[in-house]
Amino acid sequence: MEQNYDLELLLGLDGASYEAATGYVVEFTVQQTDKTAERPHGINYALVFRSKLGGKPYIKFDNAHGVEHQGGKHV
């Protein structure tokens, strides 16, 4: 059985929080799930940048749902 070290490294970030700048943190959530059409690699993830005090994120990247294309042909 082949080891997938990249996957192990990614899953190891689950729950990690790093101070990106004074007063701001980057938080990771990474979980292995069943492979589906929405998550073909079987990974559920979120990367959040927020104040160290908590509250709403300034920016968040995740694969919780698809995003509809809002632009035209070249956007």
Protein backbone atom coordinates (compact mmCIF):
# COMPACT_ATOMS: atom_id res chain seq x y z
CA MET A 1 0.00 0.00 0.00
CA GLU A 2 1.44 3.35 -1.07
CA GLN A 3 1.70 6.09 1.53
CA ASN A 4 0.22 9.47 0.61
CA TYR A 5 2.45 11.84 2.56
CA ASP A 6 0.89 14.95 0.99
CA LEU A 7 -2.53 13.89 2.27
CA GLU A 8 -1.13 13.11 5.72
CA LEU A 9 0.53 16.53 5.84
CA LEU A 10 -2.68 18.27 4.77
CA LEU A 11 -4.80 16.37 7.31
CA GLY A 12 -2.23 17.25 9.98
CA LEU A 13 -3.17 20.93 9.58
CA ASP A 14 -6.68 20.31 10.95
CA GLY A 15 -7.25 22.65 13.88
CA ALA A 16 -3.96 24.52 13.36
CA SER A 17 -3.86 28.27 13.94
CA TYR A 18 -0.92 30.49 13.06
CA GLU A 19 -0.37 34.15 13.82
CA ALA A 20 0.07 35.72 10.38
CA ALA A 21 0.68 39.25 11.67
CA THR A 22 0.25 40.96 15.01
CA GLY A 23 -3.40 40.45 15.97
CA TYR A 24 -4.34 38.26 12.98
CA VAL A 25 -4.48 34.48 12.57
CA VAL A 26 -4.81 31.93 9.80
CA GLU A 27 -6.89 28.90 10.83
CA PHE A 28 -7.15 25.53 9.08
CA THR A 29 -9.89 22.93 9.09
CA VAL A 30 -9.17 19.78 7.05
CA GLN A 31 -11.14 16.53 7.18
CA GLN A 32 -11.17 13.42 5.05
CA THR A 33 -14.64 12.53 3.74
CA ASP A 34 -16.16 10.13 1.28
CA LYS A 35 -15.31 10.87 -2.35
CA THR A 36 -18.24 12.51 -4.11
CA ALA A 37 -18.81 14.54 -7.27
CA GLU A 38 -18.47 17.71 -5.16
CA ARG A 39 -15.34 16.46 -3.39
CA PRO A 40 -13.61 14.07 -5.81
CA HIS A 41 -10.50 13.84 -3.62
CA GLY A 42 -12.47 13.18 -0.42
CA ILE A 43 -11.23 16.31 1.38
CA ASN A 44 -13.34 18.92 3.18
CA TYR A 45 -11.29 22.05 3.92
CA ALA A 46 -11.44 25.66 5.11
CA LEU A 47 -8.70 28.28 5.34
CA VAL A 48 -9.72 31.35 7.34
CA PHE A 49 -7.99 34.69 7.96
CA ARG A 50 -9.44 36.63 10.92
CA SER A 51 -8.69 38.80 13.90
CA LYS A 52 -7.03 36.99 16.79
CA LEU A 53 -10.04 38.11 18.87
CA GLY A 54 -12.39 36.03 16.70
CA GLY A 55 -15.46 37.28 14.89
CA LYS A 56 -16.29 37.10 11.20
CA PRO A 57 -13.45 36.12 8.88
CA TYR A 58 -11.89 38.77 6.66
CA ILE A 59 -11.47 36.10 4.00
CA LYS A 60 -12.28 32.39 3.83
CA PHE A 61 -11.50 29.72 1.25
CA ASP A 62 -13.38 26.43 1.45
CA ASN A 63 -15.10 23.78 -0.60
CA ALA A 64 -18.42 23.86 1.27
CA HIS A 65 -20.38 24.52 -1.91
CA GLY A 66 -19.91 25.34 -5.56
CA VAL A 67 -19.83 28.92 -6.73
CA GLU A 68 -21.86 29.92 -9.74
CA HIS A 69 -19.99 31.64 -12.53
CA GLN A 70 -21.08 35.31 -12.54
CA GLY A 71 -18.96 36.68 -15.39
CA GLY A 72 -19.10 36.52 -19.11
CA LYS A 73 -17.21 34.32 -21.51
CA HIS A 74 -13.76 35.75 -20.64
CA VAL A 75 -14.25 36.50 -16.95
